[in-house]
Amino acid sequence: MKPYIICHMMSSLDGHALTDGWDRPFKNSAGALYEKLAEQFAFDAWLCGRVTMEEIAHGEGYPKGLASAPIPRTSWFADPQADKFAISIDPHGKVAWRSNQALGCHVVEVLTEGVADDYLAYLQSIQVSYLFGGKTDIDLHQVVQVLAEELGIERLCVEGGPHVSGGFVNAGLVDEISVLILPLVDGRGAHPASFEVSQAAWQQPTYLRLASAEVQEGGAVWLRYRQA
C-alpha cells in the first residue's frame, strides 16, 4: 500500500536543479510557475529533503536537555487528521522547526532511530509529528507505506532535492515524473543533476513514456512522464 507518487522538478536545459547563481527575477518567476503547476496534482502531502526544509524552517537549533528519559522509536503523530502534510526527510534530526507548520501544512519528520532523544522531545513540545524510516538509513518503501496507512495520504508530491528525488526514482516508487525545463544553460558540471543516485545505490536506468508536453510562459516547457 502506497500513495500515488509524483516527482515534480525544475531544471535547466542541461539538467541542473539548483537555482543559486541564476538571475533573481528569472528564478522568482520560474519558482512561481513551478508552484502553480504543482497545484494541478491535487496532492495531500508534499515531501522535501533536509536542505530544502531547513530553508523553509528558518530555525537556529533546538534546546538540549528536554528528554528526561529515553523515548521509544515509534511513530508519533500530533495531527493525523490534518488537511495537508509537509514531509521532511531528515535522517539525523537536524531541521529546527519553529512551529508544526510549513507553508500551511502540518509537518511530519522522517527520521532514523539514531536520532537524539532531545530532538524527539523537542518535536513533541512543538507538536511536530514524526515517524521512523529505519535504524541507520531511510527505507523509502517503509516510509510511504506508513504515510498511506497511518495518515491516509493518497497523493504525494516529491519536490527534491536531487538526492531525494533520485532515491524515490531508483527505488521504483514514482508513478509520474514532472519536469519544468527552463530556457537557460547552467553550465556548471559540478552542480547536481535533477536526479542523483550514489553509484553504490544505483540499480538500472528508469524507462518512461511521455504523457504530455506543454509550452509555458517565458519559454519554459512542462514535460510529464509515466512508467513505461
N, C-alpha and C. Protein backbone atom coordinates (compact mmCIF):
# COMPACT_ATOMS: atom_id res chain seq x y z
N MET A 1 0.85 -1.19 0.00
CA MET A 1 0.00 0.00 0.00
C MET A 1 0.88 1.24 0.00
N LYS A 2 0.66 2.12 -0.97
CA LYS A 2 1.43 3.36 -1.03
C LYS A 2 0.60 4.43 -1.72
N PRO A 3 0.97 5.71 -1.54
CA PRO A 3 0.27 6.77 -2.28
C PRO A 3 0.66 6.74 -3.76
N TYR A 4 -0.13 7.44 -4.56
CA TYR A 4 0.29 7.76 -5.93
C TYR A 4 1.37 8.84 -5.79
N ILE A 5 2.55 8.60 -6.36
CA ILE A 5 3.70 9.48 -6.12
C ILE A 5 4.10 10.19 -7.40
N ILE A 6 4.10 11.52 -7.33
CA ILE A 6 4.55 12.38 -8.43
C ILE A 6 5.86 13.04 -8.02
N CYS A 7 6.87 12.94 -8.85
CA CYS A 7 8.13 13.64 -8.61
C CYS A 7 8.14 14.89 -9.49
N HIS A 8 8.11 16.05 -8.87
CA HIS A 8 7.97 17.33 -9.58
C HIS A 8 9.27 18.11 -9.43
N MET A 9 9.95 18.37 -10.57
CA MET A 9 11.26 19.01 -10.55
C MET A 9 11.29 20.21 -11.49
N MET A 10 12.27 21.08 -11.25
CA MET A 10 12.53 22.22 -12.14
C MET A 10 13.99 22.13 -12.56
N SER A 11 14.28 22.33 -13.85
CA SER A 11 15.61 22.05 -14.34
C SER A 11 16.02 23.02 -15.44
N SER A 12 17.33 23.27 -15.51
CA SER A 12 17.88 23.99 -16.66
C SER A 12 17.93 23.04 -17.86
N LEU A 13 18.24 23.57 -19.04
CA LEU A 13 18.30 22.74 -20.23
C LEU A 13 19.34 21.63 -20.11
N ASP A 14 20.41 21.90 -19.36
CA ASP A 14 21.45 20.89 -19.19
C ASP A 14 21.25 20.05 -17.94
N GLY A 15 20.05 20.06 -17.39
CA GLY A 15 19.67 19.10 -16.38
C GLY A 15 20.03 19.43 -14.95
N HIS A 16 20.39 20.70 -14.66
CA HIS A 16 20.76 21.07 -13.30
C HIS A 16 19.56 21.64 -12.55
N ALA A 17 19.48 21.30 -11.25
CA ALA A 17 18.30 21.63 -10.48
C ALA A 17 18.49 22.76 -9.49
N LEU A 18 19.72 23.06 -9.09
CA LEU A 18 19.94 24.11 -8.10
C LEU A 18 19.94 25.48 -8.76
N THR A 19 19.22 26.42 -8.14
CA THR A 19 18.99 27.72 -8.78
C THR A 19 19.94 28.81 -8.32
N ASP A 20 20.86 28.52 -7.39
CA ASP A 20 21.78 29.56 -6.95
C ASP A 20 22.63 30.02 -8.13
N GLY A 21 22.82 31.33 -8.22
CA GLY A 21 23.56 31.89 -9.34
C GLY A 21 22.69 32.29 -10.52
N TRP A 22 21.41 31.91 -10.49
CA TRP A 22 20.51 32.32 -11.56
C TRP A 22 20.00 33.72 -11.27
N ASP A 23 19.69 34.47 -12.30
CA ASP A 23 19.17 35.82 -12.15
C ASP A 23 17.91 35.80 -11.27
N ARG A 24 17.88 36.65 -10.25
CA ARG A 24 16.81 36.57 -9.26
C ARG A 24 15.40 36.75 -9.85
N PRO A 25 15.14 37.76 -10.69
CA PRO A 25 13.79 37.87 -11.26
C PRO A 25 13.40 36.62 -12.05
N PHE A 26 14.37 36.07 -12.79
CA PHE A 26 14.09 34.86 -13.56
C PHE A 26 13.79 33.70 -12.61
N LYS A 27 14.61 33.56 -11.57
CA LYS A 27 14.43 32.47 -10.61
C LYS A 27 13.08 32.60 -9.91
N ASN A 28 12.70 33.81 -9.53
CA ASN A 28 11.43 34.01 -8.83
C ASN A 28 10.23 33.67 -9.71
N SER A 29 10.28 34.12 -10.98
CA SER A 29 9.16 33.83 -11.88
C SER A 29 9.07 32.35 -12.20
N ALA A 30 10.23 31.70 -12.35
CA ALA A 30 10.24 30.26 -12.61
C ALA A 30 9.71 29.50 -11.40
N GLY A 31 10.08 29.95 -10.20
CA GLY A 31 9.59 29.30 -8.99
C GLY A 31 8.09 29.42 -8.84
N ALA A 32 7.56 30.58 -9.18
CA ALA A 32 6.11 30.77 -9.11
C ALA A 32 5.38 29.86 -10.09
N LEU A 33 5.94 29.71 -11.30
CA LEU A 33 5.35 28.83 -12.29
C LEU A 33 5.42 27.38 -11.82
N TYR A 34 6.54 27.00 -11.25
CA TYR A 34 6.73 25.64 -10.73
C TYR A 34 5.65 25.31 -9.69
N GLU A 35 5.41 26.23 -8.76
CA GLU A 35 4.41 26.00 -7.72
C GLU A 35 2.99 25.98 -8.31
N LYS A 36 2.75 26.83 -9.29
CA LYS A 36 1.43 26.86 -9.94
C LYS A 36 1.12 25.52 -10.61
N LEU A 37 2.12 24.95 -11.28
CA LEU A 37 1.92 23.66 -11.94
C LEU A 37 1.74 22.55 -10.92
N ALA A 38 2.46 22.63 -9.81
CA ALA A 38 2.35 21.60 -8.78
C ALA A 38 0.93 21.50 -8.24
N GLU A 39 0.23 22.63 -8.16
CA GLU A 39 -1.13 22.64 -7.63
C GLU A 39 -2.07 21.75 -8.44
N GLN A 40 -1.75 21.52 -9.70
CA GLN A 40 -2.61 20.70 -10.55
C GLN A 40 -2.62 19.23 -10.13
N PHE A 41 -1.65 18.83 -9.33
CA PHE A 41 -1.58 17.43 -8.93
C PHE A 41 -2.56 17.10 -7.79
N ALA A 42 -3.12 18.11 -7.16
CA ALA A 42 -4.10 17.90 -6.08
C ALA A 42 -3.60 16.90 -5.05
N PHE A 43 -2.37 17.08 -4.60
CA PHE A 43 -1.77 16.17 -3.63
C PHE A 43 -2.22 16.52 -2.22
N ASP A 44 -2.17 15.53 -1.32
CA ASP A 44 -2.48 15.80 0.07
C ASP A 44 -1.23 15.78 0.94
N ALA A 45 -0.05 15.61 0.32
CA ALA A 45 1.21 15.74 1.04
C ALA A 45 2.31 16.06 0.03
N TRP A 46 3.28 16.86 0.47
CA TRP A 46 4.47 17.13 -0.35
C TRP A 46 5.69 16.83 0.49
N LEU A 47 6.79 16.48 -0.18
CA LEU A 47 7.96 15.96 0.51
C LEU A 47 9.23 16.59 -0.03
N CYS A 48 10.13 16.98 0.88
CA CYS A 48 11.44 17.52 0.51
C CYS A 48 12.49 16.97 1.46
N GLY A 49 13.76 17.13 1.07
CA GLY A 49 14.87 16.71 1.91
C GLY A 49 15.24 17.76 2.94
N ARG A 50 16.24 17.41 3.75
CA ARG A 50 16.64 18.26 4.87
C ARG A 50 17.07 19.65 4.43
N VAL A 51 17.88 19.76 3.38
CA VAL A 51 18.42 21.06 2.99
C VAL A 51 17.29 22.03 2.63
N THR A 52 16.36 21.55 1.82
CA THR A 52 15.22 22.40 1.44
C THR A 52 14.38 22.76 2.66
N MET A 53 14.15 21.79 3.54
CA MET A 53 13.30 22.05 4.70
C MET A 53 13.98 23.01 5.68
N GLU A 54 15.30 22.99 5.78
CA GLU A 54 15.98 23.96 6.65
C GLU A 54 15.78 25.38 6.13
N GLU A 55 15.73 25.54 4.81
CA GLU A 55 15.47 26.86 4.24
C GLU A 55 14.06 27.33 4.57
N ILE A 56 13.12 26.41 4.65
CA ILE A 56 11.73 26.75 4.96
C ILE A 56 11.55 27.01 6.45
N ALA A 57 12.24 26.20 7.28
CA ALA A 57 12.05 26.28 8.73
C ALA A 57 12.64 27.53 9.34
N HIS A 58 13.77 28.01 8.81
CA HIS A 58 14.45 29.20 9.35
C HIS A 58 14.78 29.04 10.83
N GLY A 59 15.08 27.82 11.24
CA GLY A 59 15.40 27.57 12.64
C GLY A 59 16.86 27.85 12.96
N GLU A 60 17.15 27.96 14.26
CA GLU A 60 18.51 28.22 14.72
C GLU A 60 18.87 27.24 15.83
N GLY A 61 18.66 25.97 15.58
CA GLY A 61 18.93 24.96 16.59
C GLY A 61 17.74 24.72 17.49
N TYR A 62 17.86 23.72 18.36
CA TYR A 62 16.78 23.40 19.28
C TYR A 62 17.36 23.22 20.68
N PRO A 63 16.58 23.45 21.74
CA PRO A 63 17.09 23.36 23.11
C PRO A 63 17.47 21.93 23.48
N LYS A 64 18.57 21.78 24.18
CA LYS A 64 19.02 20.46 24.64
C LYS A 64 18.52 20.22 26.07
N GLY A 65 18.53 18.96 26.46
CA GLY A 65 18.12 18.60 27.82
C GLY A 65 16.63 18.45 28.02
N LEU A 66 15.86 18.38 26.93
CA LEU A 66 14.41 18.27 27.06
C LEU A 66 13.96 16.86 27.43
N ALA A 67 14.72 15.86 27.00
CA ALA A 67 14.32 14.48 27.25
C ALA A 67 14.76 14.04 28.65
N SER A 68 13.82 13.67 29.47
CA SER A 68 14.14 13.22 30.83
C SER A 68 14.35 11.71 30.90
N ALA A 69 14.02 11.01 29.80
CA ALA A 69 14.18 9.56 29.74
C ALA A 69 14.22 9.16 28.26
N PRO A 70 14.71 7.95 27.95
CA PRO A 70 14.72 7.50 26.56
C PRO A 70 13.31 7.50 25.97
N ILE A 71 13.20 7.91 24.72
CA ILE A 71 11.90 7.98 24.05
C ILE A 71 11.79 6.81 23.05
N PRO A 72 10.70 6.07 23.08
CA PRO A 72 10.55 4.92 22.17
C PRO A 72 10.66 5.35 20.70
N ARG A 73 11.29 4.49 19.93
CA ARG A 73 11.42 4.76 18.48
C ARG A 73 10.20 4.23 17.76
N THR A 74 9.07 4.88 18.02
CA THR A 74 7.80 4.56 17.36
C THR A 74 7.20 5.85 16.82
N SER A 75 6.36 5.73 15.82
CA SER A 75 5.74 6.90 15.21
C SER A 75 4.95 7.70 16.23
N TRP A 76 4.97 9.02 16.07
CA TRP A 76 4.23 9.91 16.96
C TRP A 76 3.58 10.99 16.10
N PHE A 77 2.25 11.00 16.06
CA PHE A 77 1.52 11.91 15.19
C PHE A 77 0.70 12.89 16.02
N ALA A 78 1.03 14.17 15.90
CA ALA A 78 0.33 15.21 16.65
C ALA A 78 -1.00 15.58 16.00
N ASP A 79 -1.09 15.48 14.67
CA ASP A 79 -2.31 15.88 13.97
C ASP A 79 -2.54 14.97 12.77
N PRO A 80 -2.90 13.72 13.02
CA PRO A 80 -3.06 12.76 11.91
C PRO A 80 -4.21 13.08 10.97
N GLN A 81 -5.10 13.99 11.38
CA GLN A 81 -6.24 14.34 10.54
C GLN A 81 -6.02 15.66 9.78
N ALA A 82 -4.81 16.15 9.72
CA ALA A 82 -4.53 17.41 9.03
C ALA A 82 -4.98 17.34 7.57
N ASP A 83 -5.34 18.50 7.03
CA ASP A 83 -5.79 18.56 5.63
C ASP A 83 -4.65 18.27 4.66
N LYS A 84 -3.44 18.72 5.00
CA LYS A 84 -2.30 18.53 4.12
C LYS A 84 -1.03 18.42 4.96
N PHE A 85 -0.07 17.61 4.48
CA PHE A 85 1.14 17.35 5.23
C PHE A 85 2.39 17.79 4.46
N ALA A 86 3.39 18.27 5.22
CA ALA A 86 4.72 18.57 4.68
C ALA A 86 5.67 17.53 5.25
N ILE A 87 6.21 16.66 4.41
CA ILE A 87 7.03 15.54 4.86
C ILE A 87 8.51 15.92 4.70
N SER A 88 9.25 15.84 5.79
CA SER A 88 10.66 16.24 5.82
C SER A 88 11.54 15.01 5.98
N ILE A 89 12.35 14.70 4.95
CA ILE A 89 13.31 13.60 5.05
C ILE A 89 14.55 14.13 5.76
N ASP A 90 14.71 13.75 7.01
CA ASP A 90 15.72 14.34 7.89
C ASP A 90 16.33 13.24 8.76
N PRO A 91 17.18 12.37 8.19
CA PRO A 91 17.61 11.16 8.89
C PRO A 91 18.18 11.37 10.29
N HIS A 92 18.96 12.45 10.48
CA HIS A 92 19.66 12.64 11.74
C HIS A 92 19.02 13.70 12.64
N GLY A 93 17.86 14.23 12.25
CA GLY A 93 17.15 15.19 13.08
C GLY A 93 17.87 16.51 13.22
N LYS A 94 17.99 17.23 12.11
CA LYS A 94 18.73 18.49 12.11
C LYS A 94 17.85 19.72 11.86
N VAL A 95 16.65 19.53 11.32
CA VAL A 95 15.81 20.68 10.99
C VAL A 95 15.20 21.24 12.27
N ALA A 96 15.47 22.51 12.54
CA ALA A 96 14.96 23.15 13.76
C ALA A 96 13.69 23.93 13.43
N TRP A 97 12.58 23.24 13.49
CA TRP A 97 11.29 23.87 13.21
C TRP A 97 10.93 24.86 14.30
N ARG A 98 10.33 25.97 13.90
CA ARG A 98 9.82 26.94 14.87
C ARG A 98 8.36 26.66 15.22
N SER A 99 7.67 25.95 14.34
CA SER A 99 6.28 25.57 14.59
C SER A 99 6.04 24.25 13.88
N ASN A 100 4.81 23.75 13.97
CA ASN A 100 4.50 22.49 13.31
C ASN A 100 3.87 22.70 11.93
N GLN A 101 4.07 23.88 11.37
CA GLN A 101 3.53 24.20 10.05
C GLN A 101 4.64 24.58 9.08
N ALA A 102 4.53 24.10 7.84
CA ALA A 102 5.42 24.51 6.75
C ALA A 102 4.55 24.86 5.56
N LEU A 103 4.53 26.14 5.22
CA LEU A 103 3.71 26.64 4.10
C LEU A 103 2.25 26.21 4.28
N GLY A 104 1.78 26.29 5.53
CA GLY A 104 0.39 25.98 5.82
C GLY A 104 0.05 24.52 5.95
N CYS A 105 1.06 23.65 5.96
CA CYS A 105 0.85 22.21 6.05
C CYS A 105 1.47 21.65 7.33
N HIS A 106 0.85 20.62 7.89
CA HIS A 106 1.36 20.02 9.12
C HIS A 106 2.65 19.25 8.84
N VAL A 107 3.68 19.50 9.63
CA VAL A 107 5.00 18.91 9.40
C VAL A 107 5.07 17.50 9.98
N VAL A 108 5.65 16.59 9.17
CA VAL A 108 5.96 15.23 9.61
C VAL A 108 7.44 14.98 9.32
N GLU A 109 8.22 14.75 10.35
CA GLU A 109 9.65 14.45 10.20
C GLU A 109 9.84 12.96 9.97
N VAL A 110 10.70 12.61 8.99
CA VAL A 110 11.07 11.22 8.73
C VAL A 110 12.51 11.04 9.21
N LEU A 111 12.70 10.20 10.22
CA LEU A 111 13.96 10.09 10.94
C LEU A 111 14.49 8.66 10.92
N THR A 112 15.77 8.50 11.29
CA THR A 112 16.30 7.18 11.61
C THR A 112 16.32 7.02 13.13
N GLU A 113 16.49 5.79 13.59
CA GLU A 113 16.40 5.51 15.02
C GLU A 113 17.59 6.04 15.80
N GLY A 114 18.64 6.48 15.10
CA GLY A 114 19.80 7.03 15.77
C GLY A 114 19.65 8.48 16.19
N VAL A 115 18.52 9.08 15.93
CA VAL A 115 18.28 10.48 16.27
C VAL A 115 18.31 10.68 17.79
N ALA A 116 18.67 11.87 18.23
CA ALA A 116 18.77 12.15 19.66
C ALA A 116 17.40 12.20 20.33
N ASP A 117 17.35 11.71 21.58
CA ASP A 117 16.11 11.80 22.35
C ASP A 117 15.66 13.25 22.53
N ASP A 118 16.63 14.15 22.72
CA ASP A 118 16.30 15.57 22.89
C ASP A 118 15.57 16.11 21.66
N TYR A 119 15.95 15.62 20.47
CA TYR A 119 15.28 16.11 19.26
C TYR A 119 13.83 15.63 19.23
N LEU A 120 13.61 14.38 19.61
CA LEU A 120 12.24 13.87 19.65
C LEU A 120 11.40 14.63 20.68
N ALA A 121 11.99 14.90 21.83
CA ALA A 121 11.27 15.67 22.85
C ALA A 121 10.96 17.07 22.35
N TYR A 122 11.88 17.64 21.61
CA TYR A 122 11.67 18.97 21.02
C TYR A 122 10.51 18.95 20.03
N LEU A 123 10.49 17.95 19.15
CA LEU A 123 9.40 17.85 18.17
C LEU A 123 8.05 17.71 18.89
N GLN A 124 8.01 16.89 19.92
CA GLN A 124 6.76 16.73 20.66
C GLN A 124 6.33 18.04 21.32
N SER A 125 7.30 18.81 21.80
CA SER A 125 6.97 20.05 22.51
C SER A 125 6.34 21.08 21.59
N ILE A 126 6.66 21.02 20.28
CA ILE A 126 6.07 21.98 19.34
C ILE A 126 5.04 21.32 18.43
N GLN A 127 4.68 20.06 18.77
CA GLN A 127 3.61 19.34 18.07
C GLN A 127 3.95 19.05 16.60
N VAL A 128 5.22 18.74 16.35
CA VAL A 128 5.64 18.25 15.03
C VAL A 128 5.59 16.73 15.04
N SER A 129 4.89 16.14 14.10
CA SER A 129 4.79 14.69 14.01
C SER A 129 6.10 14.09 13.50
N TYR A 130 6.29 12.79 13.79
CA TYR A 130 7.47 12.12 13.24
C TYR A 130 7.21 10.63 13.09
N LEU A 131 7.98 10.03 12.19
CA LEU A 131 7.99 8.59 12.00
C LEU A 131 9.41 8.15 11.72
N PHE A 132 9.65 6.84 11.86
CA PHE A 132 11.00 6.31 11.65
C PHE A 132 11.05 5.51 10.36
N GLY A 133 12.07 5.82 9.54
CA GLY A 133 12.23 5.15 8.26
C GLY A 133 13.27 4.06 8.26
N GLY A 134 13.88 3.76 9.42
CA GLY A 134 14.89 2.72 9.51
C GLY A 134 15.82 2.97 10.68
N LYS A 135 16.69 2.01 10.95
CA LYS A 135 17.63 2.13 12.07
C LYS A 135 18.72 3.15 11.78
N THR A 136 19.42 2.97 10.65
CA THR A 136 20.53 3.86 10.31
C THR A 136 20.34 4.56 8.96
N ASP A 137 19.50 4.00 8.11
CA ASP A 137 19.21 4.58 6.79
C ASP A 137 17.71 4.61 6.57
N ILE A 138 17.30 5.50 5.68
CA ILE A 138 15.87 5.65 5.37
C ILE A 138 15.45 4.62 4.33
N ASP A 139 14.46 3.82 4.66
CA ASP A 139 13.85 2.88 3.73
C ASP A 139 12.59 3.55 3.18
N LEU A 140 12.67 4.03 1.94
CA LEU A 140 11.56 4.79 1.38
C LEU A 140 10.31 3.95 1.21
N HIS A 141 10.46 2.67 0.94
CA HIS A 141 9.29 1.79 0.84
C HIS A 141 8.53 1.77 2.17
N GLN A 142 9.27 1.65 3.25
CA GLN A 142 8.66 1.66 4.57
C GLN A 142 7.99 2.99 4.86
N VAL A 143 8.63 4.08 4.47
CA VAL A 143 8.11 5.42 4.73
C VAL A 143 6.77 5.63 4.04
N VAL A 144 6.71 5.33 2.75
CA VAL A 144 5.46 5.60 2.02
C VAL A 144 4.33 4.69 2.48
N GLN A 145 4.67 3.49 2.94
CA GLN A 145 3.64 2.61 3.49
C GLN A 145 3.03 3.20 4.76
N VAL A 146 3.89 3.75 5.63
CA VAL A 146 3.39 4.37 6.86
C VAL A 146 2.55 5.60 6.52
N LEU A 147 3.01 6.40 5.56
CA LEU A 147 2.26 7.60 5.19
C LEU A 147 0.86 7.24 4.70
N ALA A 148 0.76 6.15 3.94
CA ALA A 148 -0.55 5.73 3.43
C ALA A 148 -1.41 5.14 4.54
N GLU A 149 -0.84 4.24 5.34
CA GLU A 149 -1.63 3.50 6.32
C GLU A 149 -1.98 4.33 7.55
N GLU A 150 -1.04 5.13 8.03
CA GLU A 150 -1.25 5.86 9.28
C GLU A 150 -1.86 7.25 9.08
N LEU A 151 -1.53 7.90 7.95
CA LEU A 151 -2.02 9.26 7.72
C LEU A 151 -3.03 9.35 6.58
N GLY A 152 -3.25 8.25 5.90
CA GLY A 152 -4.24 8.23 4.82
C GLY A 152 -3.83 9.03 3.60
N ILE A 153 -2.54 9.22 3.39
CA ILE A 153 -2.06 10.00 2.25
C ILE A 153 -2.25 9.20 0.97
N GLU A 154 -2.94 9.80 0.01
CA GLU A 154 -3.24 9.13 -1.25
C GLU A 154 -2.41 9.66 -2.41
N ARG A 155 -2.03 10.94 -2.36
CA ARG A 155 -1.22 11.54 -3.43
C ARG A 155 -0.08 12.33 -2.80
N LEU A 156 1.14 11.92 -3.14
CA LEU A 156 2.34 12.51 -2.56
C LEU A 156 3.16 13.16 -3.67
N CYS A 157 3.52 14.44 -3.48
CA CYS A 157 4.34 15.16 -4.45
C CYS A 157 5.75 15.29 -3.89
N VAL A 158 6.71 14.64 -4.52
CA VAL A 158 8.11 14.70 -4.12
C VAL A 158 8.77 15.86 -4.87
N GLU A 159 9.33 16.81 -4.11
CA GLU A 159 9.87 18.02 -4.72
C GLU A 159 11.36 18.21 -4.44
N GLY A 160 12.08 17.12 -4.21
CA GLY A 160 13.53 17.20 -4.10
C GLY A 160 14.01 17.44 -2.70
N GLY A 161 15.34 17.70 -2.69
CA GLY A 161 16.34 17.90 -3.72
C GLY A 161 16.67 16.68 -4.56
N PRO A 162 17.77 16.85 -5.35
CA PRO A 162 18.12 15.84 -6.34
C PRO A 162 18.33 14.45 -5.76
N HIS A 163 18.95 14.34 -4.57
CA HIS A 163 19.20 13.02 -4.00
C HIS A 163 17.91 12.37 -3.50
N VAL A 164 17.00 13.18 -2.96
CA VAL A 164 15.71 12.64 -2.53
C VAL A 164 14.91 12.17 -3.75
N SER A 165 14.84 13.01 -4.77
CA SER A 165 14.10 12.63 -5.98
C SER A 165 14.74 11.41 -6.64
N GLY A 166 16.07 11.40 -6.73
CA GLY A 166 16.76 10.25 -7.30
C GLY A 166 16.52 8.98 -6.51
N GLY A 167 16.46 9.11 -5.18
CA GLY A 167 16.20 7.95 -4.34
C GLY A 167 14.84 7.35 -4.58
N PHE A 168 13.81 8.20 -4.73
CA PHE A 168 12.46 7.70 -5.00
C PHE A 168 12.39 7.02 -6.36
N VAL A 169 13.02 7.61 -7.36
CA VAL A 169 13.01 7.00 -8.70
C VAL A 169 13.76 5.68 -8.68
N ASN A 170 14.94 5.68 -8.06
CA ASN A 170 15.77 4.47 -8.02
C ASN A 170 15.08 3.34 -7.28
N ALA A 171 14.24 3.69 -6.30
CA ALA A 171 13.51 2.67 -5.53
C ALA A 171 12.28 2.15 -6.27
N GLY A 172 11.98 2.72 -7.43
CA GLY A 172 10.82 2.27 -8.20
C GLY A 172 9.49 2.68 -7.62
N LEU A 173 9.48 3.79 -6.87
CA LEU A 173 8.27 4.22 -6.18
C LEU A 173 7.48 5.29 -6.91
N VAL A 174 8.05 5.88 -7.95
CA VAL A 174 7.43 7.04 -8.60
C VAL A 174 6.49 6.60 -9.71
N ASP A 175 5.27 7.09 -9.66
CA ASP A 175 4.27 6.79 -10.69
C ASP A 175 4.34 7.79 -11.84
N GLU A 176 4.75 9.01 -11.53
CA GLU A 176 4.77 10.07 -12.55
C GLU A 176 5.92 11.03 -12.28
N ILE A 177 6.60 11.45 -13.35
CA ILE A 177 7.67 12.43 -13.23
C ILE A 177 7.27 13.68 -14.01
N SER A 178 7.37 14.81 -13.33
CA SER A 178 7.04 16.10 -13.91
C SER A 178 8.29 16.97 -13.86
N VAL A 179 8.70 17.49 -15.01
CA VAL A 179 9.90 18.33 -15.06
C VAL A 179 9.57 19.62 -15.81
N LEU A 180 9.80 20.75 -15.16
CA LEU A 180 9.67 22.05 -15.82
C LEU A 180 11.05 22.44 -16.33
N ILE A 181 11.24 22.38 -17.65
CA ILE A 181 12.52 22.70 -18.28
C ILE A 181 12.57 24.20 -18.56
N LEU A 182 13.56 24.86 -17.99
CA LEU A 182 13.68 26.32 -18.13
C LEU A 182 14.63 26.70 -19.26
N PRO A 183 14.40 27.86 -19.90
CA PRO A 183 15.22 28.26 -21.04
C PRO A 183 16.55 28.89 -20.61
N LEU A 184 17.41 28.08 -20.03
CA LEU A 184 18.77 28.53 -19.72
C LEU A 184 19.68 27.33 -19.66
N VAL A 185 20.96 27.57 -19.91
CA VAL A 185 22.00 26.56 -19.73
C VAL A 185 22.81 26.96 -18.51
N ASP A 186 22.83 26.12 -17.49
CA ASP A 186 23.55 26.42 -16.26
C ASP A 186 25.06 26.34 -16.48
N GLY A 187 25.52 25.23 -17.05
CA GLY A 187 26.92 25.11 -17.44
C GLY A 187 27.88 24.68 -16.36
N ARG A 188 27.42 24.50 -15.12
CA ARG A 188 28.32 24.12 -14.04
C ARG A 188 28.28 22.60 -13.85
N GLY A 189 29.31 21.95 -14.37
CA GLY A 189 29.33 20.49 -14.35
C GLY A 189 29.28 19.89 -12.97
N ALA A 190 29.79 20.61 -11.98
CA ALA A 190 29.82 20.08 -10.61
C ALA A 190 28.46 20.16 -9.93
N HIS A 191 27.55 20.95 -10.49
CA HIS A 191 26.23 21.06 -9.88
C HIS A 191 25.45 19.76 -10.08
N PRO A 192 24.65 19.36 -9.08
CA PRO A 192 23.91 18.10 -9.22
C PRO A 192 22.85 18.17 -10.32
N ALA A 193 22.59 16.99 -10.88
CA ALA A 193 21.51 16.86 -11.85
C ALA A 193 20.18 16.84 -11.10
N SER A 194 19.09 16.84 -11.85
CA SER A 194 17.77 16.82 -11.22
C SER A 194 17.54 15.57 -10.40
N PHE A 195 18.16 14.46 -10.80
CA PHE A 195 18.03 13.19 -10.10
C PHE A 195 19.42 12.63 -9.85
N GLU A 196 19.77 12.44 -8.59
CA GLU A 196 21.10 11.97 -8.22
C GLU A 196 20.97 10.69 -7.39
N VAL A 197 21.76 9.68 -7.76
CA VAL A 197 21.81 8.42 -7.01
C VAL A 197 23.28 8.04 -6.87
N SER A 198 23.68 7.61 -5.67
CA SER A 198 25.06 7.18 -5.48
C SER A 198 25.35 5.94 -6.32
N GLN A 199 26.61 5.78 -6.70
CA GLN A 199 26.99 4.63 -7.52
C GLN A 199 26.66 3.33 -6.81
N ALA A 200 26.82 3.30 -5.49
CA ALA A 200 26.56 2.08 -4.74
C ALA A 200 25.08 1.72 -4.72
N ALA A 201 24.21 2.75 -4.75
CA ALA A 201 22.77 2.50 -4.66
C ALA A 201 22.11 2.31 -6.02
N TRP A 202 22.75 2.77 -7.09
CA TRP A 202 22.13 2.74 -8.43
C TRP A 202 21.80 1.33 -8.86
N GLN A 203 20.59 1.15 -9.38
CA GLN A 203 20.14 -0.17 -9.82
C GLN A 203 20.21 -0.32 -11.34
N GLN A 204 19.48 0.55 -12.05
CA GLN A 204 19.40 0.49 -13.51
C GLN A 204 18.69 1.74 -13.99
N PRO A 205 18.75 2.04 -15.29
CA PRO A 205 18.00 3.20 -15.80
C PRO A 205 16.50 3.01 -15.57
N THR A 206 15.80 4.13 -15.43
CA THR A 206 14.34 4.11 -15.31
C THR A 206 13.75 4.56 -16.63
N TYR A 207 12.98 3.69 -17.25
CA TYR A 207 12.42 3.97 -18.57
C TYR A 207 10.99 4.50 -18.42
N LEU A 208 10.68 5.55 -19.18
CA LEU A 208 9.42 6.26 -19.03
C LEU A 208 8.75 6.44 -20.39
N ARG A 209 7.48 6.80 -20.34
CA ARG A 209 6.77 7.19 -21.56
C ARG A 209 6.25 8.61 -21.39
N LEU A 210 6.31 9.39 -22.44
CA LEU A 210 5.85 10.77 -22.39
C LEU A 210 4.33 10.81 -22.32
N ALA A 211 3.81 11.51 -21.30
CA ALA A 211 2.37 11.67 -21.16
C ALA A 211 1.88 12.98 -21.75
N SER A 212 2.68 14.06 -21.59
CA SER A 212 2.29 15.35 -22.16
C SER A 212 3.50 16.27 -22.21
N ALA A 213 3.43 17.26 -23.11
CA ALA A 213 4.46 18.29 -23.23
C ALA A 213 3.74 19.60 -23.55
N GLU A 214 3.95 20.61 -22.69
CA GLU A 214 3.25 21.88 -22.85
C GLU A 214 4.23 23.05 -22.75
N VAL A 215 4.16 23.95 -23.72
CA VAL A 215 4.95 25.17 -23.65
C VAL A 215 4.32 26.10 -22.62
N GLN A 216 5.15 26.67 -21.74
CA GLN A 216 4.67 27.55 -20.69
C GLN A 216 5.15 28.98 -20.95
N GLU A 217 4.66 29.89 -20.13
CA GLU A 217 5.06 31.29 -20.26
C GLU A 217 6.56 31.44 -20.09
N GLY A 218 7.14 32.36 -20.83
CA GLY A 218 8.56 32.63 -20.71
C GLY A 218 9.45 31.64 -21.42
N GLY A 219 8.88 30.73 -22.19
CA GLY A 219 9.68 29.78 -22.96
C GLY A 219 10.01 28.48 -22.25
N ALA A 220 9.47 28.27 -21.08
CA ALA A 220 9.67 27.00 -20.37
C ALA A 220 8.80 25.92 -21.01
N VAL A 221 9.19 24.67 -20.79
CA VAL A 221 8.42 23.53 -21.29
C VAL A 221 8.15 22.58 -20.14
N TRP A 222 6.89 22.18 -19.99
CA TRP A 222 6.49 21.29 -18.91
C TRP A 222 6.30 19.89 -19.48
N LEU A 223 7.14 18.96 -19.04
CA LEU A 223 7.10 17.59 -19.51
C LEU A 223 6.59 16.69 -18.39
N ARG A 224 5.68 15.79 -18.74
CA ARG A 224 5.16 14.83 -17.77
C ARG A 224 5.35 13.42 -18.33
N TYR A 225 5.90 12.56 -17.51
CA TYR A 225 6.20 11.18 -17.91
C TYR A 225 5.56 10.21 -16.91
N ARG A 226 5.23 9.04 -17.40
CA ARG A 226 4.77 7.95 -16.53
C ARG A 226 5.59 6.71 -16.82
N GLN A 227 5.46 5.72 -15.96
CA GLN A 227 6.23 4.49 -16.11
C GLN A 227 5.96 3.85 -17.47
N ALA A 228 7.00 3.38 -18.12
CA ALA A 228 6.87 2.76 -19.46
C ALA A 228 6.12 1.45 -19.36
